[in-house]
Every structure is written in C-alpha cells, then in structure tokens.
Amino acid sequence: AKQINITDEDIILDYPMPSRCALEYLHVPR
C-alpha cells in the first residue's frame, strides 16, 4: 500500500476469524 499510495481506508483487513464486515457494522475503529 505504501508503494502505490493506498490509504488505510482502502486496505481490506483480515482477522483471525472472519469478522471484517461484522466489525465494520458494529463501528469498531480500524
């Protein structure tokens, strides 16, 4: 991301358990 200048909001986070959309729905800060 640093090499191609992508912002943190565009990075798709990966978690130990599948929960990315659920955490975003619950407004957990990135």
PDB file of all heavy atoms in Angstrom:
ATOM      1  N   ALA A   1       0.828  -1.208   0.000  1.00  0.00           N
ATOM      2  CA  ALA A   1       0.000   0.000   0.000  1.00  0.00           C
ATOM      3  C   ALA A   1       0.862   1.257   0.000  1.00  0.00           C
ATOM      4  O   ALA A   1       0.540   2.268  -0.643  1.00  0.00           O
ATOM      5  CB  ALA A   1      -0.934   0.000   1.204  1.00  0.00           C
ATOM      6  N   LYS A   2       1.973   1.214   0.718  1.00  0.00           N
ATOM      7  CA  LYS A   2       2.859   2.377   0.762  1.00  0.00           C
ATOM      8  C   LYS A   2       3.492   2.615  -0.608  1.00  0.00           C
ATOM      9  O   LYS A   2       3.742   3.758  -1.004  1.00  0.00           O
ATOM     10  CB  LYS A   2       3.937   2.163   1.816  1.00  0.00           C
ATOM     11  CG  LYS A   2       3.395   2.189   3.246  1.00  0.00           C
ATOM     12  CD  LYS A   2       4.503   1.929   4.252  1.00  0.00           C
ATOM     13  CE  LYS A   2       3.957   1.940   5.683  1.00  0.00           C
ATOM     14  NZ  LYS A   2       5.016   1.642   6.673  1.00  0.00           N
ATOM     15  N   GLN A   3       3.774   1.549  -1.339  1.00  0.00           N
ATOM     16  CA  GLN A   3       4.427   1.691  -2.631  1.00  0.00           C
ATOM     17  C   GLN A   3       3.494   2.307  -3.675  1.00  0.00           C
ATOM     18  O   GLN A   3       3.924   3.041  -4.544  1.00  0.00           O
ATOM     19  CB  GLN A   3       4.934   0.328  -3.116  1.00  0.00           C
ATOM     20  CG  GLN A   3       6.022  -0.261  -2.223  1.00  0.00           C
ATOM     21  CD  GLN A   3       6.442  -1.640  -2.686  1.00  0.00           C
ATOM     22  OE1 GLN A   3       5.950  -2.140  -3.689  1.00  0.00           O
ATOM     23  NE2 GLN A   3       7.374  -2.250  -1.946  1.00  0.00           N
ATOM     24  N   ILE A   4       2.193   2.004  -3.563  1.00  0.00           N
ATOM     25  CA  ILE A   4       1.255   2.516  -4.580  1.00  0.00           C
ATOM     26  C   ILE A   4       0.331   3.583  -4.000  1.00  0.00           C
ATOM     27  O   ILE A   4      -0.682   3.933  -4.622  1.00  0.00           O
ATOM     28  CB  ILE A   4       0.429   1.363  -5.174  1.00  0.00           C
ATOM     29  CG1 ILE A   4      -0.351   0.641  -4.072  1.00  0.00           C
ATOM     30  CG2 ILE A   4       1.329   0.379  -5.890  1.00  0.00           C
ATOM     31  CD1 ILE A   4      -1.225  -0.496  -4.620  1.00  0.00           C
ATOM     32  N   ASN A   5       0.651   4.081  -2.795  1.00  0.00           N
ATOM     33  CA  ASN A   5      -0.070   5.200  -2.178  1.00  0.00           C
ATOM     34  C   ASN A   5      -1.569   4.924  -1.974  1.00  0.00           C
ATOM     35  O   ASN A   5      -2.434   5.698  -2.374  1.00  0.00           O
ATOM     36  CB  ASN A   5       0.092   6.479  -3.031  1.00  0.00           C
ATOM     37  CG  ASN A   5       1.552   6.927  -3.106  1.00  0.00           C
ATOM     38  OD1 ASN A   5       2.280   6.798  -2.115  1.00  0.00           O
ATOM     39  ND2 ASN A   5       1.958   7.433  -4.256  1.00  0.00           N
ATOM     40  N   ILE A   6      -1.866   3.780  -1.361  1.00  0.00           N
ATOM     41  CA  ILE A   6      -3.250   3.461  -0.999  1.00  0.00           C
ATOM     42  C   ILE A   6      -3.492   3.886   0.439  1.00  0.00           C
ATOM     43  O   ILE A   6      -2.655   3.645   1.319  1.00  0.00           O
ATOM     44  CB  ILE A   6      -3.521   1.951  -1.160  1.00  0.00           C
ATOM     45  CG1 ILE A   6      -3.365   1.545  -2.615  1.00  0.00           C
ATOM     46  CG2 ILE A   6      -4.909   1.579  -0.656  1.00  0.00           C
ATOM     47  CD1 ILE A   6      -3.571   0.067  -2.853  1.00  0.00           C
ATOM     48  N   THR A   7      -4.620   4.521   0.712  1.00  0.00           N
ATOM     49  CA  THR A   7      -4.943   4.966   2.068  1.00  0.00           C
ATOM     50  C   THR A   7      -5.352   3.779   2.934  1.00  0.00           C
ATOM     51  O   THR A   7      -5.709   2.711   2.443  1.00  0.00           O
ATOM     52  CB  THR A   7      -6.091   5.990   2.037  1.00  0.00           C
ATOM     53  OG1 THR A   7      -7.255   5.366   1.469  1.00  0.00           O
ATOM     54  CG2 THR A   7      -5.702   7.185   1.188  1.00  0.00           C
ATOM     55  N   ASP A   8      -5.357   3.987   4.251  1.00  0.00           N
ATOM     56  CA  ASP A   8      -5.717   2.934   5.189  1.00  0.00           C
ATOM     57  C   ASP A   8      -7.162   2.486   5.008  1.00  0.00           C
ATOM     58  O   ASP A   8      -7.510   1.328   5.253  1.00  0.00           O
ATOM     59  CB  ASP A   8      -5.518   3.412   6.636  1.00  0.00           C
ATOM     60  CG  ASP A   8      -4.045   3.632   6.954  1.00  0.00           C
ATOM     61  OD1 ASP A   8      -3.202   3.040   6.240  1.00  0.00           O
ATOM     62  OD2 ASP A   8      -3.740   4.378   7.908  1.00  0.00           O
ATOM     63  N   GLU A   9      -8.037   3.419   4.593  1.00  0.00           N
ATOM     64  CA  GLU A   9      -9.449   3.056   4.436  1.00  0.00           C
ATOM     65  C   GLU A   9      -9.663   2.078   3.276  1.00  0.00           C
ATOM     66  O   GLU A   9     -10.664   1.358   3.239  1.00  0.00           O
ATOM     67  CB  GLU A   9     -10.301   4.305   4.212  1.00  0.00           C
ATOM     68  CG  GLU A   9     -10.496   5.168   5.458  1.00  0.00           C
ATOM     69  CD  GLU A   9      -9.239   5.955   5.838  1.00  0.00           C
ATOM     70  OE1 GLU A   9      -8.312   5.988   4.994  1.00  0.00           O
ATOM     71  OE2 GLU A   9      -9.179   6.502   6.953  1.00  0.00           O
ATOM     72  N   ASP A  10      -8.730   2.067   2.309  1.00  0.00           N
ATOM     73  CA  ASP A  10      -8.884   1.189   1.153  1.00  0.00           C
ATOM     74  C   ASP A  10      -8.309  -0.203   1.379  1.00  0.00           C
ATOM     75  O   ASP A  10      -8.514  -1.100   0.560  1.00  0.00           O
ATOM     76  CB  ASP A  10      -8.206   1.805  -0.072  1.00  0.00           C
ATOM     77  CG  ASP A  10      -8.875   3.116  -0.468  1.00  0.00           C
ATOM     78  OD1 ASP A  10     -10.106   3.215  -0.277  1.00  0.00           O
ATOM     79  OD2 ASP A  10      -8.165   4.020  -0.954  1.00  0.00           O
ATOM     80  N   ILE A  11      -7.580  -0.378   2.481  1.00  0.00           N
ATOM     81  CA  ILE A  11      -6.963  -1.664   2.766  1.00  0.00           C
ATOM     82  C   ILE A  11      -8.017  -2.611   3.332  1.00  0.00           C
ATOM     83  O   ILE A  11      -8.776  -2.251   4.242  1.00  0.00           O
ATOM     84  CB  ILE A  11      -5.799  -1.508   3.770  1.00  0.00           C
ATOM     85  CG1 ILE A  11      -4.692  -0.627   3.171  1.00  0.00           C
ATOM     86  CG2 ILE A  11      -5.244  -2.881   4.151  1.00  0.00           C
ATOM     87  CD1 ILE A  11      -3.572  -0.344   4.127  1.00  0.00           C
ATOM     88  N   ILE A  12      -8.085  -3.810   2.787  1.00  0.00           N
ATOM     89  CA  ILE A  12      -9.020  -4.826   3.280  1.00  0.00           C
ATOM     90  C   ILE A  12      -8.336  -5.580   4.413  1.00  0.00           C
ATOM     91  O   ILE A  12      -7.328  -6.269   4.203  1.00  0.00           O
ATOM     92  CB  ILE A  12      -9.435  -5.795   2.163  1.00  0.00           C
ATOM     93  CG1 ILE A  12     -10.144  -5.030   1.048  1.00  0.00           C
ATOM     94  CG2 ILE A  12     -10.334  -6.895   2.712  1.00  0.00           C
ATOM     95  CD1 ILE A  12     -10.537  -5.903  -0.131  1.00  0.00           C
ATOM     96  N   LEU A  13      -8.878  -5.435   5.606  1.00  0.00           N
ATOM     97  CA  LEU A  13      -8.285  -6.061   6.786  1.00  0.00           C
ATOM     98  C   LEU A  13      -8.699  -7.527   6.877  1.00  0.00           C
ATOM     99  O   LEU A  13      -9.796  -7.908   6.484  1.00  0.00           O
ATOM    100  CB  LEU A  13      -8.723  -5.317   8.050  1.00  0.00           C
ATOM    101  CG  LEU A  13      -8.317  -3.840   8.135  1.00  0.00           C
ATOM    102  CD1 LEU A  13      -8.850  -3.222   9.420  1.00  0.00           C
ATOM    103  CD2 LEU A  13      -6.800  -3.681   8.071  1.00  0.00           C
ATOM    104  N   ASP A  14      -7.798  -8.308   7.414  1.00  0.00           N
ATOM    105  CA  ASP A  14      -8.061  -9.727   7.618  1.00  0.00           C
ATOM    106  C   ASP A  14      -7.885 -10.028   9.103  1.00  0.00           C
ATOM    107  O   ASP A  14      -6.930  -9.557   9.736  1.00  0.00           O
ATOM    108  CB  ASP A  14      -7.084 -10.567   6.781  1.00  0.00           C
ATOM    109  CG  ASP A  14      -7.525 -12.018   6.710  1.00  0.00           C
ATOM    110  OD1 ASP A  14      -8.665 -12.317   7.118  1.00  0.00           O
ATOM    111  OD2 ASP A  14      -6.725 -12.851   6.246  1.00  0.00           O
ATOM    112  N   TYR A  15      -8.795 -10.840   9.670  1.00  0.00           N
ATOM    113  CA  TYR A  15      -8.805 -11.125  11.104  1.00  0.00           C
ATOM    114  C   TYR A  15      -8.646 -12.624  11.337  1.00  0.00           C
ATOM    115  O   TYR A  15      -8.871 -13.431  10.424  1.00  0.00           O
ATOM    116  CB  TYR A  15     -10.114 -10.633  11.735  1.00  0.00           C
ATOM    117  CG  TYR A  15     -10.285  -9.131  11.707  1.00  0.00           C
ATOM    118  CD1 TYR A  15     -10.913  -8.499  10.647  1.00  0.00           C
ATOM    119  CD2 TYR A  15      -9.813  -8.349  12.759  1.00  0.00           C
ATOM    120  CE1 TYR A  15     -11.066  -7.124  10.622  1.00  0.00           C
ATOM    121  CE2 TYR A  15      -9.970  -6.966  12.745  1.00  0.00           C
ATOM    122  CZ  TYR A  15     -10.592  -6.361  11.672  1.00  0.00           C
ATOM    123  OH  TYR A  15     -10.744  -4.992  11.648  1.00  0.00           O
ATOM    124  N   PRO A  16      -8.247 -13.009  12.549  1.00  0.00           N
ATOM    125  CA  PRO A  16      -8.134 -14.447  12.845  1.00  0.00           C
ATOM    126  C   PRO A  16      -9.405 -15.228  12.575  1.00  0.00           C
ATOM    127  O   PRO A  16      -9.352 -16.376  12.145  1.00  0.00           O
ATOM    128  CB  PRO A  16      -7.767 -14.462  14.333  1.00  0.00           C
ATOM    129  CG  PRO A  16      -7.078 -13.153  14.565  1.00  0.00           C
ATOM    130  CD  PRO A  16      -7.756 -12.173  13.660  1.00  0.00           C
ATOM    131  N   MET A  17     -10.562 -14.639  12.853  1.00  0.00           N
ATOM    132  CA  MET A  17     -11.835 -15.250  12.478  1.00  0.00           C
ATOM    133  C   MET A  17     -12.546 -14.324  11.483  1.00  0.00           C
ATOM    134  O   MET A  17     -12.382 -13.101  11.563  1.00  0.00           O
ATOM    135  CB  MET A  17     -12.711 -15.475  13.721  1.00  0.00           C
ATOM    136  CG  MET A  17     -13.150 -14.208  14.419  1.00  0.00           C
ATOM    137  SD  MET A  17     -14.264 -14.495  15.827  1.00  0.00           S
ATOM    138  CE  MET A  17     -13.103 -15.080  17.049  1.00  0.00           C
ATOM    139  N   PRO A  18     -13.274 -14.840  10.515  1.00  0.00           N
ATOM    140  CA  PRO A  18     -13.965 -13.986   9.540  1.00  0.00           C
ATOM    141  C   PRO A  18     -14.938 -13.038  10.247  1.00  0.00           C
ATOM    142  O   PRO A  18     -15.982 -13.457  10.747  1.00  0.00           O
ATOM    143  CB  PRO A  18     -14.716 -14.998   8.662  1.00  0.00           C
ATOM    144  CG  PRO A  18     -13.973 -16.272   8.825  1.00  0.00           C
ATOM    145  CD  PRO A  18     -13.475 -16.268  10.235  1.00  0.00           C
ATOM    146  N   SER A  19     -14.592 -11.757  10.297  1.00  0.00           N
ATOM    147  CA  SER A  19     -15.416 -10.811  11.065  1.00  0.00           C
ATOM    148  C   SER A  19     -15.284  -9.379  10.564  1.00  0.00           C
ATOM    149  O   SER A  19     -15.722  -8.450  11.241  1.00  0.00           O
ATOM    150  CB  SER A  19     -15.025 -10.872  12.551  1.00  0.00           C
ATOM    151  OG  SER A  19     -13.636 -10.630  12.707  1.00  0.00           O
ATOM    152  N   ARG A  20     -14.693  -9.161   9.380  1.00  0.00           N
ATOM    153  CA  ARG A  20     -14.425  -7.802   8.918  1.00  0.00           C
ATOM    154  C   ARG A  20     -15.714  -6.997   8.756  1.00  0.00           C
ATOM    155  O   ARG A  20     -15.838  -5.895   9.309  1.00  0.00           O
ATOM    156  CB  ARG A  20     -13.667  -7.854   7.576  1.00  0.00           C
ATOM    157  CG  ARG A  20     -13.392  -6.479   6.973  1.00  0.00           C
ATOM    158  CD  ARG A  20     -12.562  -6.626   5.718  1.00  0.00           C
ATOM    159  NE  ARG A  20     -13.231  -7.484   4.745  1.00  0.00           N
ATOM    160  CZ  ARG A  20     -14.147  -7.052   3.876  1.00  0.00           C
ATOM    161  NH1 ARG A  20     -14.513  -5.769   3.869  1.00  0.00           N
ATOM    162  NH2 ARG A  20     -14.703  -7.881   3.016  1.00  0.00           N
ATOM    163  N   CYS A  21     -16.673  -7.521   8.033  1.00  0.00           N
ATOM    164  CA  CYS A  21     -17.919  -6.780   7.795  1.00  0.00           C
ATOM    165  C   CYS A  21     -18.713  -6.602   9.086  1.00  0.00           C
ATOM    166  O   CYS A  21     -19.329  -5.558   9.311  1.00  0.00           O
ATOM    167  CB  CYS A  21     -18.772  -7.493   6.757  1.00  0.00           C
ATOM    168  SG  CYS A  21     -18.039  -7.486   5.103  1.00  0.00           S
ATOM    169  N   ALA A  22     -18.696  -7.631   9.931  1.00  0.00           N
ATOM    170  CA  ALA A  22     -19.423  -7.545  11.192  1.00  0.00           C
ATOM    171  C   ALA A  22     -18.839  -6.461  12.086  1.00  0.00           C
ATOM    172  O   ALA A  22     -19.576  -5.695  12.725  1.00  0.00           O
ATOM    173  CB  ALA A  22     -19.401  -8.894  11.904  1.00  0.00           C
ATOM    174  N   LEU A  23     -17.513  -6.365  12.128  1.00  0.00           N
ATOM    175  CA  LEU A  23     -16.881  -5.338  12.959  1.00  0.00           C
ATOM    176  C   LEU A  23     -17.129  -3.951  12.386  1.00  0.00           C
ATOM    177  O   LEU A  23     -17.314  -2.983  13.141  1.00  0.00           O
ATOM    178  CB  LEU A  23     -15.382  -5.625  13.063  1.00  0.00           C
ATOM    179  CG  LEU A  23     -15.000  -6.896  13.835  1.00  0.00           C
ATOM    180  CD1 LEU A  23     -13.498  -7.114  13.784  1.00  0.00           C
ATOM    181  CD2 LEU A  23     -15.478  -6.811  15.281  1.00  0.00           C
ATOM    182  N   GLU A  24     -17.133  -3.827  11.060  1.00  0.00           N
ATOM    183  CA  GLU A  24     -17.456  -2.537  10.460  1.00  0.00           C
ATOM    184  C   GLU A  24     -18.908  -2.156  10.736  1.00  0.00           C
ATOM    185  O   GLU A  24     -19.218  -0.988  10.980  1.00  0.00           O
ATOM    186  CB  GLU A  24     -17.196  -2.582   8.955  1.00  0.00           C
ATOM    187  CG  GLU A  24     -15.719  -2.669   8.588  1.00  0.00           C
ATOM    188  CD  GLU A  24     -15.507  -2.754   7.092  1.00  0.00           C
ATOM    189  OE1 GLU A  24     -16.523  -2.808   6.352  1.00  0.00           O
ATOM    190  OE2 GLU A  24     -14.328  -2.783   6.658  1.00  0.00           O
ATOM    191  N   TYR A  25     -19.782  -3.125  10.714  1.00  0.00           N
ATOM    192  CA  TYR A  25     -21.196  -2.860  11.015  1.00  0.00           C
ATOM    193  C   TYR A  25     -21.371  -2.414  12.466  1.00  0.00           C
ATOM    194  O   TYR A  25     -22.221  -1.572  12.773  1.00  0.00           O
ATOM    195  CB  TYR A  25     -22.009  -4.126  10.742  1.00  0.00           C
ATOM    196  CG  TYR A  25     -23.466  -3.995  11.088  1.00  0.00           C
ATOM    197  CD1 TYR A  25     -24.345  -3.342  10.226  1.00  0.00           C
ATOM    198  CD2 TYR A  25     -23.971  -4.533  12.270  1.00  0.00           C
ATOM    199  CE1 TYR A  25     -25.690  -3.215  10.541  1.00  0.00           C
ATOM    200  CE2 TYR A  25     -25.305  -4.426  12.593  1.00  0.00           C
ATOM    201  CZ  TYR A  25     -26.168  -3.760  11.726  1.00  0.00           C
ATOM    202  OH  TYR A  25     -27.508  -3.643  12.045  1.00  0.00           O
ATOM    203  N   LEU A  26     -20.527  -2.961  13.355  1.00  0.00           N
ATOM    204  CA  LEU A  26     -20.573  -2.580  14.772  1.00  0.00           C
ATOM    205  C   LEU A  26     -19.734  -1.344  15.057  1.00  0.00           C
ATOM    206  O   LEU A  26     -19.590  -0.957  16.223  1.00  0.00           O
ATOM    207  CB  LEU A  26     -20.079  -3.751  15.637  1.00  0.00           C
ATOM    208  CG  LEU A  26     -20.925  -5.029  15.570  1.00  0.00           C
ATOM    209  CD1 LEU A  26     -20.260  -6.147  16.350  1.00  0.00           C
ATOM    210  CD2 LEU A  26     -22.330  -4.783  16.098  1.00  0.00           C
ATOM    211  N   HIS A  27     -19.148  -0.729  14.005  1.00  0.00           N
ATOM    212  CA  HIS A  27     -18.377   0.525  14.107  1.00  0.00           C
ATOM    213  C   HIS A  27     -17.144   0.369  15.002  1.00  0.00           C
ATOM    214  O   HIS A  27     -16.828   1.250  15.810  1.00  0.00           O
ATOM    215  CB  HIS A  27     -19.261   1.664  14.635  1.00  0.00           C
ATOM    216  CG  HIS A  27     -20.487   1.905  13.806  1.00  0.00           C
ATOM    217  ND1 HIS A  27     -20.440   2.436  12.537  1.00  0.00           N
ATOM    218  CD2 HIS A  27     -21.804   1.666  14.079  1.00  0.00           C
ATOM    219  CE1 HIS A  27     -21.677   2.527  12.046  1.00  0.00           C
ATOM    220  NE2 HIS A  27     -22.515   2.060  12.958  1.00  0.00           N
ATOM    221  N   VAL A  28     -16.461  -0.755  14.847  1.00  0.00           N
ATOM    222  CA  VAL A  28     -15.199  -0.942  15.557  1.00  0.00           C
ATOM    223  C   VAL A  28     -14.115  -0.202  14.793  1.00  0.00           C
ATOM    224  O   VAL A  28     -13.937  -0.412  13.586  1.00  0.00           O
ATOM    225  CB  VAL A  28     -14.847  -2.435  15.671  1.00  0.00           C
ATOM    226  CG1 VAL A  28     -13.477  -2.611  16.331  1.00  0.00           C
ATOM    227  CG2 VAL A  28     -15.923  -3.171  16.454  1.00  0.00           C
ATOM    228  N   PRO A  29     -13.357   0.702  15.421  1.00  0.00           N
ATOM    229  CA  PRO A  29     -12.356   1.508  14.698  1.00  0.00           C
ATOM    230  C   PRO A  29     -11.277   0.631  14.052  1.00  0.00           C
ATOM    231  O   PRO A  29     -10.821  -0.345  14.642  1.00  0.00           O
ATOM    232  CB  PRO A  29     -11.761   2.390  15.799  1.00  0.00           C
ATOM    233  CG  PRO A  29     -12.783   2.414  16.879  1.00  0.00           C
ATOM    234  CD  PRO A  29     -13.454   1.070  16.834  1.00  0.00           C
ATOM    235  N   ARG A  30     -10.885   1.002  12.850  1.00  0.00           N
ATOM    236  CA  ARG A  30      -9.812   0.281  12.167  1.00  0.00           C
ATOM    237  C   ARG A  30      -8.483   0.455  12.875  1.00  0.00           C
ATOM    238  O   ARG A  30      -7.593  -0.387  12.738  1.00  0.00           O
ATOM    239  CB  ARG A  30      -9.701   0.771  10.722  1.00  0.00           C
ATOM    240  CG  ARG A  30     -10.954   0.476   9.877  1.00  0.00           C
ATOM    241  CD  ARG A  30     -10.878   1.211   8.541  1.00  0.00           C
ATOM    242  NE  ARG A  30      -9.792   0.728   7.710  1.00  0.00           N
ATOM    243  CZ  ARG A  30      -9.914  -0.234   6.808  1.00  0.00           C
ATOM    244  NH1 ARG A  30     -11.083  -0.835   6.629  1.00  0.00           N
ATOM    245  NH2 ARG A  30      -8.890  -0.596   6.063  1.00  0.00           N
TER     246      ARG A  30
END
